[in-house]
Amino acid sequence: MKSSLLLLLFALCSACAHAEPPKPLLWKVSDADNHIYLLGSFHALKPEDYPWAGSVDAALVDAEKFAFELSPDELRSPELATKMAHAALIGSGKTLRDGLPAALMADLQAYLDKNRIPAENIIGFEPWFVSLIISVTEMQRLGYDPKLGLDQQLIDRVATSGKPATGLETGDEQIAALSSMTASEQRLALREALDEAARFRTQMNALHSEWRAGDADALFVRMGAELKQRYPALYQRIDVDRNLAWMPKLRSMLDDQRHDDTLVVVGSLHLLGPDGLVAKLKAAGYRVERVER
């Protein structure tokens, strides 16, 4: 598998500065009397990924309302990280050593030793969460900052606008989607995270280049198609099911509002491919157009 399951959570990474803003993954969806914008975010970037494109600024100005995966208040609450860590605890007095094959545990220990991460810091957590820790560690090693993620930066801008912002789901729902991985899925995710740590830069350079180019097809192949092929049940839970849950809320923004327009910012994968929100809204009969520069 070319990319780890958890890497789709991040927008990463290029080694050099860029002369032009990224081409946004931005669509305008319209009915007879108003519209919504759909913008694909990556959750950790570098300073050189800014400023964003003029079309994003135009959508910010045009929108009267905003929606993110989680509401800004919940996303910034210290309780969210505590909830995630609590959900990831193995419990019952057990540790990773009780559930991982000896060879996988040895490789994990080698990674921890190499990166000077005390084993006691992670040994009580489920493998899915440890995989995420590894991905974050490698991301930070390359200088990518979640505070510079597109969604975080947009939330900062929205906070000064005085316009309302809501969430499409709750933190509990998002954590449940992540923690729903089966034991075998978790072990494989950890195996892949360890294997890919050594080539993280190369993999993320490619992912980041596709995101900057606004290459929706290539991004879906890299992030979604492999996930769907290798882990169809997990793909269903973390992408398809969440998209289906969000669709009535998006349709309400179009059908029940006559004048107010909304900018919706979600992880890029949720917009892409045949199961993405763009395809679903187009199939529902709305007018959908890509907005670029």
C-alpha atoms as a PDB file:
ATOM      1  CA  MET A   1       0.000   0.000   0.000  1.00  0.00           C
ATOM      2  CA  LYS A   2       1.494   3.317  -1.019  1.00  0.00           C
ATOM      3  CA  SER A   3       0.112   5.542   1.726  1.00  0.00           C
ATOM      4  CA  SER A   4      -0.759   4.943   5.364  1.00  0.00           C
ATOM      5  CA  LEU A   5      -4.383   4.967   6.486  1.00  0.00           C
ATOM      6  CA  LEU A   6      -3.788   7.896   8.828  1.00  0.00           C
ATOM      7  CA  LEU A   7      -1.925  10.048   6.304  1.00  0.00           C
ATOM      8  CA  LEU A   8      -5.157  11.092   4.657  1.00  0.00           C
ATOM      9  CA  LEU A   9      -5.719  13.196   7.776  1.00  0.00           C
ATOM     10  CA  PHE A  10      -2.953  15.589   6.849  1.00  0.00           C
ATOM     11  CA  ALA A  11      -2.139  18.032   4.100  1.00  0.00           C
ATOM     12  CA  LEU A  12       1.611  17.657   3.660  1.00  0.00           C
ATOM     13  CA  CYS A  13       4.494  18.439   2.350  1.00  0.00           C
ATOM     14  CA  SER A  14       6.931  20.091  -0.081  1.00  0.00           C
ATOM     15  CA  ALA A  15      10.540  20.970   0.522  1.00  0.00           C
ATOM     16  CA  CYS A  16      10.603  24.281  -1.317  1.00  0.00           C
ATOM     17  CA  ALA A  17       8.708  27.528  -1.438  1.00  0.00           C
ATOM     18  CA  HIS A  18       6.068  28.078  -4.113  1.00  0.00           C
ATOM     19  CA  ALA A  19       5.608  31.124  -6.268  1.00  0.00           C
ATOM     20  CA  GLU A  20       1.832  30.827  -6.628  1.00  0.00           C
ATOM     21  CA  PRO A  21      -0.973  29.974  -4.190  1.00  0.00           C
ATOM     22  CA  PRO A  22      -2.319  26.425  -4.337  1.00  0.00           C
ATOM     23  CA  LYS A  23      -5.091  25.775  -6.834  1.00  0.00           C
ATOM     24  CA  PRO A  24      -7.992  25.159  -4.461  1.00  0.00           C
ATOM     25  CA  LEU A  25     -10.245  22.132  -4.375  1.00  0.00           C
ATOM     26  CA  LEU A  26     -13.242  24.452  -4.474  1.00  0.00           C
ATOM     27  CA  TRP A  27     -16.703  23.870  -5.937  1.00  0.00           C
ATOM     28  CA  LYS A  28     -19.812  26.058  -6.084  1.00  0.00           C
ATOM     29  CA  VAL A  29     -23.091  24.171  -5.707  1.00  0.00           C
ATOM     30  CA  SER A  30     -26.285  26.053  -6.577  1.00  0.00           C
ATOM     31  CA  ASP A  31     -30.035  25.683  -6.622  1.00  0.00           C
ATOM     32  CA  ALA A  32     -32.533  28.238  -7.869  1.00  0.00           C
ATOM     33  CA  ASP A  33     -31.921  30.904  -5.233  1.00  0.00           C
ATOM     34  CA  ASN A  34     -28.629  30.397  -3.390  1.00  0.00           C
ATOM     35  CA  HIS A  35     -25.466  28.315  -3.270  1.00  0.00           C
ATOM     36  CA  ILE A  36     -22.852  26.701  -1.074  1.00  0.00           C
ATOM     37  CA  TYR A  37     -19.111  26.453  -1.584  1.00  0.00           C
ATOM     38  CA  LEU A  38     -17.270  23.182  -0.893  1.00  0.00           C
ATOM     39  CA  LEU A  39     -13.571  23.562  -0.083  1.00  0.00           C
ATOM     40  CA  GLY A  40     -11.173  20.647   0.438  1.00  0.00           C
ATOM     41  CA  SER A  41      -8.770  21.179   3.334  1.00  0.00           C
ATOM     42  CA  PHE A  42      -5.535  19.492   4.323  1.00  0.00           C
ATOM     43  CA  HIS A  43      -4.940  19.652   8.031  1.00  0.00           C
ATOM     44  CA  ALA A  44      -1.231  20.569   8.295  1.00  0.00           C
ATOM     45  CA  LEU A  45       0.775  22.860   6.045  1.00  0.00           C
ATOM     46  CA  LYS A  46       3.809  25.143   5.905  1.00  0.00           C
ATOM     47  CA  PRO A  47       4.029  28.937   5.715  1.00  0.00           C
ATOM     48  CA  GLU A  48       4.866  28.786   2.014  1.00  0.00           C
ATOM     49  CA  ASP A  49       1.417  27.348   1.301  1.00  0.00           C
ATOM     50  CA  TYR A  50      -0.011  30.819   1.910  1.00  0.00           C
ATOM     51  CA  PRO A  51      -1.579  33.072   0.843  1.00  0.00           C
ATOM     52  CA  TRP A  52      -4.490  31.020  -0.457  1.00  0.00           C
ATOM     53  CA  ALA A  53      -6.014  31.613  -3.877  1.00  0.00           C
ATOM     54  CA  GLY A  54      -8.141  34.663  -4.624  1.00  0.00           C
ATOM     55  CA  SER A  55     -11.159  32.433  -5.225  1.00  0.00           C
ATOM     56  CA  VAL A  56     -11.006  31.304  -1.583  1.00  0.00           C
ATOM     57  CA  ASP A  57     -10.989  34.928  -0.439  1.00  0.00           C
ATOM     58  CA  ALA A  58     -13.954  35.609  -2.720  1.00  0.00           C
ATOM     59  CA  ALA A  59     -15.891  32.688  -1.216  1.00  0.00           C
ATOM     60  CA  LEU A  60     -15.095  33.937   2.298  1.00  0.00           C
ATOM     61  CA  VAL A  61     -16.496  37.349   1.433  1.00  0.00           C
ATOM     62  CA  ASP A  62     -19.562  35.976  -0.361  1.00  0.00           C
ATOM     63  CA  ALA A  63     -20.568  33.494   2.340  1.00  0.00           C
ATOM     64  CA  GLU A  64     -22.877  34.574   5.137  1.00  0.00           C
ATOM     65  CA  LYS A  65     -22.313  31.332   7.067  1.00  0.00           C
ATOM     66  CA  PHE A  66     -19.583  28.730   7.492  1.00  0.00           C
ATOM     67  CA  ALA A  67     -19.510  25.027   8.283  1.00  0.00           C
ATOM     68  CA  PHE A  68     -16.537  22.849   9.215  1.00  0.00           C
ATOM     69  CA  GLU A  69     -16.293  19.167  10.110  1.00  0.00           C
ATOM     70  CA  LEU A  70     -16.376  20.237  13.762  1.00  0.00           C
ATOM     71  CA  SER A  71     -17.580  23.549  15.074  1.00  0.00           C
ATOM     72  CA  PRO A  72     -14.747  26.009  15.804  1.00  0.00           C
ATOM     73  CA  ASP A  73     -15.621  25.990  19.506  1.00  0.00           C
ATOM     74  CA  GLU A  74     -15.377  22.219  19.766  1.00  0.00           C
ATOM     75  CA  LEU A  75     -12.284  21.957  17.581  1.00  0.00           C
ATOM     76  CA  ARG A  76     -10.428  24.376  19.841  1.00  0.00           C
ATOM     77  CA  SER A  77     -11.669  22.887  23.087  1.00  0.00           C
ATOM     78  CA  PRO A  78      -8.962  21.191  25.197  1.00  0.00           C
ATOM     79  CA  GLU A  79     -11.538  18.525  25.966  1.00  0.00           C
ATOM     80  CA  LEU A  80     -11.411  17.204  22.386  1.00  0.00           C
ATOM     81  CA  ALA A  81      -7.843  15.879  22.672  1.00  0.00           C
ATOM     82  CA  THR A  82      -8.670  14.423  26.083  1.00  0.00           C
ATOM     83  CA  LYS A  83     -11.705  12.640  24.660  1.00  0.00           C
ATOM     84  CA  MET A  84      -9.659  11.192  21.791  1.00  0.00           C
ATOM     85  CA  ALA A  85      -6.928   9.945  24.096  1.00  0.00           C
ATOM     86  CA  HIS A  86      -9.507   8.422  26.440  1.00  0.00           C
ATOM     87  CA  ALA A  87     -11.243   6.648  23.535  1.00  0.00           C
ATOM     88  CA  ALA A  88      -7.880   5.212  22.459  1.00  0.00           C
ATOM     89  CA  LEU A  89      -7.002   3.670  25.820  1.00  0.00           C
ATOM     90  CA  ILE A  90      -6.757  -0.121  25.772  1.00  0.00           C
ATOM     91  CA  GLY A  91      -7.921  -0.441  29.374  1.00  0.00           C
ATOM     92  CA  SER A  92      -8.407  -3.543  31.541  1.00  0.00           C
ATOM     93  CA  GLY A  93      -4.788  -3.319  32.652  1.00  0.00           C
ATOM     94  CA  LYS A  94      -3.538  -4.385  29.231  1.00  0.00           C
ATOM     95  CA  THR A  95      -0.971  -2.766  26.946  1.00  0.00           C
ATOM     96  CA  LEU A  96       0.140  -3.002  23.332  1.00  0.00           C
ATOM     97  CA  ARG A  97       2.470  -5.828  24.330  1.00  0.00           C
ATOM     98  CA  ASP A  98      -0.560  -7.984  25.077  1.00  0.00           C
ATOM     99  CA  GLY A  99      -2.127  -7.560  21.643  1.00  0.00           C
ATOM    100  CA  LEU A 100       0.632  -7.049  19.080  1.00  0.00           C
ATOM    101  CA  PRO A 101       2.649  -9.807  17.421  1.00  0.00           C
ATOM    102  CA  ALA A 102       6.170  -9.941  18.849  1.00  0.00           C
ATOM    103  CA  ALA A 103       7.809  -8.810  15.600  1.00  0.00           C
ATOM    104  CA  LEU A 104       5.509  -5.787  15.272  1.00  0.00           C
ATOM    105  CA  MET A 105       6.079  -4.834  18.901  1.00  0.00           C
ATOM    106  CA  ALA A 106       9.842  -5.090  18.382  1.00  0.00           C
ATOM    107  CA  ASP A 107       9.685  -2.800  15.357  1.00  0.00           C
ATOM    108  CA  LEU A 108       7.553  -0.319  17.280  1.00  0.00           C
ATOM    109  CA  GLN A 109      10.035  -0.344  20.151  1.00  0.00           C
ATOM    110  CA  ALA A 110      12.882   0.275  17.701  1.00  0.00           C
ATOM    111  CA  TYR A 111      10.997   3.269  16.286  1.00  0.00           C
ATOM    112  CA  LEU A 112      10.370   4.652  19.768  1.00  0.00           C
ATOM    113  CA  ASP A 113      14.022   4.232  20.739  1.00  0.00           C
ATOM    114  CA  LYS A 114      15.221   5.910  17.536  1.00  0.00           C
ATOM    115  CA  ASN A 115      12.938   8.886  18.107  1.00  0.00           C
ATOM    116  CA  ARG A 116      13.486   9.026  21.871  1.00  0.00           C
ATOM    117  CA  ILE A 117       9.811   8.492  22.608  1.00  0.00           C
ATOM    118  CA  PRO A 118       9.339   6.845  26.020  1.00  0.00           C
ATOM    119  CA  ALA A 119       7.395   3.617  25.597  1.00  0.00           C
ATOM    120  CA  GLU A 120       5.261   4.427  28.624  1.00  0.00           C
ATOM    121  CA  ASN A 121       3.857   7.407  26.708  1.00  0.00           C
ATOM    122  CA  ILE A 122       2.126   5.209  24.123  1.00  0.00           C
ATOM    123  CA  ILE A 123       2.033   1.632  25.387  1.00  0.00           C
ATOM    124  CA  GLY A 124      -1.464   1.977  26.842  1.00  0.00           C
ATOM    125  CA  PHE A 125      -3.094   3.170  23.610  1.00  0.00           C
ATOM    126  CA  GLU A 126      -4.766   1.275  20.788  1.00  0.00           C
ATOM    127  CA  PRO A 127      -2.707   0.720  17.610  1.00  0.00           C
ATOM    128  CA  TRP A 128      -4.847   3.150  15.546  1.00  0.00           C
ATOM    129  CA  PHE A 129      -3.883   5.976  17.886  1.00  0.00           C
ATOM    130  CA  VAL A 130      -0.212   4.992  17.910  1.00  0.00           C
ATOM    131  CA  SER A 131      -0.280   5.016  14.095  1.00  0.00           C
ATOM    132  CA  LEU A 132      -1.561   8.582  14.291  1.00  0.00           C
ATOM    133  CA  ILE A 133       1.211   9.523  16.725  1.00  0.00           C
ATOM    134  CA  ILE A 134       3.801   8.156  14.283  1.00  0.00           C
ATOM    135  CA  SER A 135       2.290  10.138  11.405  1.00  0.00           C
ATOM    136  CA  VAL A 136       2.251  13.333  13.495  1.00  0.00           C
ATOM    137  CA  THR A 137       5.844  12.727  14.583  1.00  0.00           C
ATOM    138  CA  GLU A 138       7.000  12.393  10.984  1.00  0.00           C
ATOM    139  CA  MET A 139       4.934  15.393   9.933  1.00  0.00           C
ATOM    140  CA  GLN A 140       6.501  17.575  12.616  1.00  0.00           C
ATOM    141  CA  ARG A 141       9.958  16.321  11.707  1.00  0.00           C
ATOM    142  CA  LEU A 142       9.420  17.832   8.251  1.00  0.00           C
ATOM    143  CA  GLY A 143       8.172  21.111   9.696  1.00  0.00           C
ATOM    144  CA  TYR A 144       4.459  20.788   8.969  1.00  0.00           C
ATOM    145  CA  ASP A 145       2.187  22.440  11.476  1.00  0.00           C
ATOM    146  CA  PRO A 146      -1.460  21.593  12.191  1.00  0.00           C
ATOM    147  CA  LYS A 147      -1.941  25.226  13.194  1.00  0.00           C
ATOM    148  CA  LEU A 148      -1.212  26.088   9.553  1.00  0.00           C
ATOM    149  CA  GLY A 149      -3.777  23.606   8.237  1.00  0.00           C
ATOM    150  CA  LEU A 150      -6.184  25.251   5.820  1.00  0.00           C
ATOM    151  CA  ASP A 151      -9.192  24.613   8.043  1.00  0.00           C
ATOM    152  CA  GLN A 152      -7.457  26.116  11.087  1.00  0.00           C
ATOM    153  CA  GLN A 153      -6.434  29.206   9.160  1.00  0.00           C
ATOM    154  CA  LEU A 154      -9.947  29.643   7.804  1.00  0.00           C
ATOM    155  CA  ILE A 155     -11.390  29.279  11.303  1.00  0.00           C
ATOM    156  CA  ASP A 156      -9.075  32.080  12.431  1.00  0.00           C
ATOM    157  CA  ARG A 157     -10.325  34.263   9.589  1.00  0.00           C
ATOM    158  CA  VAL A 158     -13.965  33.428  10.268  1.00  0.00           C
ATOM    159  CA  ALA A 159     -13.542  34.314  13.952  1.00  0.00           C
ATOM    160  CA  THR A 160     -12.848  37.925  12.979  1.00  0.00           C
ATOM    161  CA  SER A 161     -15.709  38.126  10.491  1.00  0.00           C
ATOM    162  CA  GLY A 162     -18.595  38.075  12.937  1.00  0.00           C
ATOM    163  CA  LYS A 163     -20.348  35.479  10.763  1.00  0.00           C
ATOM    164  CA  PRO A 164     -21.768  32.255  12.282  1.00  0.00           C
ATOM    165  CA  ALA A 165     -19.892  28.951  11.971  1.00  0.00           C
ATOM    166  CA  THR A 166     -21.158  25.455  12.781  1.00  0.00           C
ATOM    167  CA  GLY A 167     -19.997  21.829  12.623  1.00  0.00           C
ATOM    168  CA  LEU A 168     -21.271  19.025  10.400  1.00  0.00           C
ATOM    169  CA  GLU A 169     -20.610  16.477  13.141  1.00  0.00           C
ATOM    170  CA  THR A 170     -19.538  16.306  16.773  1.00  0.00           C
ATOM    171  CA  GLY A 171     -16.158  15.395  18.171  1.00  0.00           C
ATOM    172  CA  ASP A 172     -17.658  12.209  19.612  1.00  0.00           C
ATOM    173  CA  GLU A 173     -18.866  11.185  16.149  1.00  0.00           C
ATOM    174  CA  GLN A 174     -15.489  11.886  14.591  1.00  0.00           C
ATOM    175  CA  ILE A 175     -13.623   9.954  17.280  1.00  0.00           C
ATOM    176  CA  ALA A 176     -16.032   7.044  16.883  1.00  0.00           C
ATOM    177  CA  ALA A 177     -15.251   6.906  13.166  1.00  0.00           C
ATOM    178  CA  LEU A 178     -11.504   6.772  13.830  1.00  0.00           C
ATOM    179  CA  SER A 179     -11.734   4.254  16.665  1.00  0.00           C
ATOM    180  CA  SER A 180     -14.027   1.926  14.714  1.00  0.00           C
ATOM    181  CA  MET A 181     -11.107   0.104  13.096  1.00  0.00           C
ATOM    182  CA  THR A 182     -11.042  -3.624  13.727  1.00  0.00           C
ATOM    183  CA  ALA A 183      -8.089  -5.211  15.518  1.00  0.00           C
ATOM    184  CA  SER A 184      -6.658  -6.506  12.232  1.00  0.00           C
ATOM    185  CA  GLU A 185      -7.086  -3.096  10.561  1.00  0.00           C
ATOM    186  CA  GLN A 186      -5.327  -1.443  13.472  1.00  0.00           C
ATOM    187  CA  ARG A 187      -2.379  -3.831  13.380  1.00  0.00           C
ATOM    188  CA  LEU A 188      -1.974  -3.355   9.642  1.00  0.00           C
ATOM    189  CA  ALA A 189      -2.222   0.430   9.997  1.00  0.00           C
ATOM    190  CA  LEU A 190       0.546   0.354  12.595  1.00  0.00           C
ATOM    191  CA  ARG A 191       2.667  -1.926  10.410  1.00  0.00           C
ATOM    192  CA  GLU A 192       2.296   0.459   7.471  1.00  0.00           C
ATOM    193  CA  ALA A 193       2.978   3.545   9.585  1.00  0.00           C
ATOM    194  CA  LEU A 194       6.257   2.030  10.773  1.00  0.00           C
ATOM    195  CA  ASP A 195       7.251   0.861   7.293  1.00  0.00           C
ATOM    196  CA  GLU A 196       6.496   4.219   5.732  1.00  0.00           C
ATOM    197  CA  ALA A 197       8.200   6.389   8.328  1.00  0.00           C
ATOM    198  CA  ALA A 198      11.490   5.999   6.471  1.00  0.00           C
ATOM    199  CA  ARG A 199      10.007   7.272   3.191  1.00  0.00           C
ATOM    200  CA  PHE A 200       7.529   9.724   4.616  1.00  0.00           C
ATOM    201  CA  ARG A 201       9.089  12.728   2.884  1.00  0.00           C
ATOM    202  CA  THR A 202       8.811  11.223  -0.601  1.00  0.00           C
ATOM    203  CA  GLN A 203       5.243  10.067  -0.101  1.00  0.00           C
ATOM    204  CA  MET A 204       4.060  13.367   1.324  1.00  0.00           C
ATOM    205  CA  ASN A 205       5.847  15.440  -1.295  1.00  0.00           C
ATOM    206  CA  ALA A 206       3.783  13.651  -3.928  1.00  0.00           C
ATOM    207  CA  LEU A 207       0.547  14.059  -1.967  1.00  0.00           C
ATOM    208  CA  HIS A 208       1.206  17.708  -1.293  1.00  0.00           C
ATOM    209  CA  SER A 209       2.118  18.441  -4.910  1.00  0.00           C
ATOM    210  CA  GLU A 210      -1.183  16.948  -6.069  1.00  0.00           C
ATOM    211  CA  TRP A 211      -3.104  18.981  -3.517  1.00  0.00           C
ATOM    212  CA  ARG A 212      -1.337  22.209  -4.503  1.00  0.00           C
ATOM    213  CA  ALA A 213      -2.115  21.464  -8.148  1.00  0.00           C
ATOM    214  CA  GLY A 214      -5.777  20.902  -7.280  1.00  0.00           C
ATOM    215  CA  ASP A 215      -5.564  17.496  -8.970  1.00  0.00           C
ATOM    216  CA  ALA A 216      -8.781  15.936  -7.671  1.00  0.00           C
ATOM    217  CA  ASP A 217      -8.439  12.706  -9.661  1.00  0.00           C
ATOM    218  CA  ALA A 218      -4.858  12.012  -8.601  1.00  0.00           C
ATOM    219  CA  LEU A 219      -5.650  12.789  -4.963  1.00  0.00           C
ATOM    220  CA  PHE A 220      -8.579  10.400  -4.935  1.00  0.00           C
ATOM    221  CA  VAL A 221      -6.424   7.624  -6.365  1.00  0.00           C
ATOM    222  CA  ARG A 222      -3.729   8.250  -3.748  1.00  0.00           C
ATOM    223  CA  MET A 223      -6.008   8.733  -0.750  1.00  0.00           C
ATOM    224  CA  GLY A 224      -9.341   7.131  -1.517  1.00  0.00           C
ATOM    225  CA  ALA A 225      -9.067   4.414  -4.141  1.00  0.00           C
ATOM    226  CA  GLU A 226      -6.381   2.470  -2.273  1.00  0.00           C
ATOM    227  CA  LEU A 227      -8.251   2.795   1.004  1.00  0.00           C
ATOM    228  CA  LYS A 228     -11.443   1.596  -0.660  1.00  0.00           C
ATOM    229  CA  GLN A 229      -9.688  -1.378  -2.232  1.00  0.00           C
ATOM    230  CA  ARG A 230      -7.686  -2.503   0.792  1.00  0.00           C
ATOM    231  CA  TYR A 231     -10.101  -1.602   3.591  1.00  0.00           C
ATOM    232  CA  PRO A 232     -13.620  -1.392   2.125  1.00  0.00           C
ATOM    233  CA  ALA A 233     -15.363  -1.546   5.501  1.00  0.00           C
ATOM    234  CA  LEU A 234     -13.156   1.167   6.968  1.00  0.00           C
ATOM    235  CA  TYR A 235     -13.572   3.330   3.857  1.00  0.00           C
ATOM    236  CA  GLN A 236     -17.322   2.949   4.253  1.00  0.00           C
ATOM    237  CA  ARG A 237     -17.218   4.059   7.883  1.00  0.00           C
ATOM    238  CA  ILE A 238     -14.797   6.986   7.759  1.00  0.00           C
ATOM    239  CA  ASP A 239     -15.725   8.405   4.366  1.00  0.00           C
ATOM    240  CA  VAL A 240     -18.954   7.149   2.817  1.00  0.00           C
ATOM    241  CA  ASP A 241     -21.080   6.984   5.971  1.00  0.00           C
ATOM    242  CA  ARG A 242     -19.981  10.426   7.121  1.00  0.00           C
ATOM    243  CA  ASN A 243     -20.697  11.905   3.692  1.00  0.00           C
ATOM    244  CA  LEU A 244     -24.165  10.385   3.780  1.00  0.00           C
ATOM    245  CA  ALA A 245     -24.752  11.855   7.243  1.00  0.00           C
ATOM    246  CA  TRP A 246     -23.685  15.298   6.033  1.00  0.00           C
ATOM    247  CA  MET A 247     -25.765  15.311   2.852  1.00  0.00           C
ATOM    248  CA  PRO A 248     -29.093  16.294   4.497  1.00  0.00           C
ATOM    249  CA  LYS A 249     -27.340  19.212   6.201  1.00  0.00           C
ATOM    250  CA  LEU A 250     -25.843  20.400   2.917  1.00  0.00           C
ATOM    251  CA  ARG A 251     -29.164  20.048   1.129  1.00  0.00           C
ATOM    252  CA  SER A 252     -30.841  22.035   3.894  1.00  0.00           C
ATOM    253  CA  MET A 253     -28.342  24.857   3.303  1.00  0.00           C
ATOM    254  CA  LEU A 254     -29.545  24.940  -0.297  1.00  0.00           C
ATOM    255  CA  ASP A 255     -33.231  24.020  -0.047  1.00  0.00           C
ATOM    256  CA  ASP A 256     -34.225  25.816   3.167  1.00  0.00           C
ATOM    257  CA  GLN A 257     -32.282  29.023   2.715  1.00  0.00           C
ATOM    258  CA  ARG A 258     -33.271  31.612   0.149  1.00  0.00           C
ATOM    259  CA  HIS A 259     -30.429  34.087   0.250  1.00  0.00           C
ATOM    260  CA  ASP A 260     -27.673  33.067   2.668  1.00  0.00           C
ATOM    261  CA  ASP A 261     -24.709  31.285   1.111  1.00  0.00           C
ATOM    262  CA  THR A 262     -22.447  28.931   3.092  1.00  0.00           C
ATOM    263  CA  LEU A 263     -18.775  28.013   2.781  1.00  0.00           C
ATOM    264  CA  VAL A 264     -18.264  24.368   3.813  1.00  0.00           C
ATOM    265  CA  VAL A 265     -14.708  23.265   4.642  1.00  0.00           C
ATOM    266  CA  VAL A 266     -13.966  19.543   5.030  1.00  0.00           C
ATOM    267  CA  GLY A 267     -11.064  17.161   4.522  1.00  0.00           C
ATOM    268  CA  SER A 268     -10.284  16.845   0.826  1.00  0.00           C
ATOM    269  CA  LEU A 269     -11.137  13.148   0.567  1.00  0.00           C
ATOM    270  CA  HIS A 270     -14.760  13.888   1.471  1.00  0.00           C
ATOM    271  CA  LEU A 271     -15.185  15.836  -1.770  1.00  0.00           C
ATOM    272  CA  LEU A 272     -13.503  13.426  -4.152  1.00  0.00           C
ATOM    273  CA  GLY A 273     -14.397  10.354  -6.189  1.00  0.00           C
ATOM    274  CA  PRO A 274     -17.747   8.682  -6.813  1.00  0.00           C
ATOM    275  CA  ASP A 275     -18.618   8.663  -3.092  1.00  0.00           C
ATOM    276  CA  GLY A 276     -17.608  12.291  -2.551  1.00  0.00           C
ATOM    277  CA  LEU A 277     -19.926  15.157  -1.732  1.00  0.00           C
ATOM    278  CA  VAL A 278     -19.340  16.813  -5.108  1.00  0.00           C
ATOM    279  CA  ALA A 279     -20.579  13.740  -6.993  1.00  0.00           C
ATOM    280  CA  LYS A 280     -23.483  13.203  -4.594  1.00  0.00           C
ATOM    281  CA  LEU A 281     -24.751  16.769  -4.884  1.00  0.00           C
ATOM    282  CA  LYS A 282     -24.423  16.654  -8.657  1.00  0.00           C
ATOM    283  CA  ALA A 283     -26.423  13.403  -8.711  1.00  0.00           C
ATOM    284  CA  ALA A 284     -29.079  15.071  -6.542  1.00  0.00           C
ATOM    285  CA  GLY A 285     -29.697  17.571  -9.337  1.00  0.00           C
ATOM    286  CA  TYR A 286     -27.862  20.658  -8.122  1.00  0.00           C
ATOM    287  CA  ARG A 287     -25.712  22.733 -10.438  1.00  0.00           C
ATOM    288  CA  VAL A 288     -22.056  22.041  -9.592  1.00  0.00           C
ATOM    289  CA  GLU A 289     -19.100  23.948 -10.977  1.00  0.00           C
ATOM    290  CA  ARG A 290     -15.406  23.912 -10.136  1.00  0.00           C
ATOM    291  CA  VAL A 291     -13.952  27.236  -9.001  1.00  0.00           C
ATOM    292  CA  GLU A 292     -10.206  27.552  -9.545  1.00  0.00           C
ATOM    293  CA  ARG A 293      -8.078  30.662  -9.274  1.00  0.00           C
END
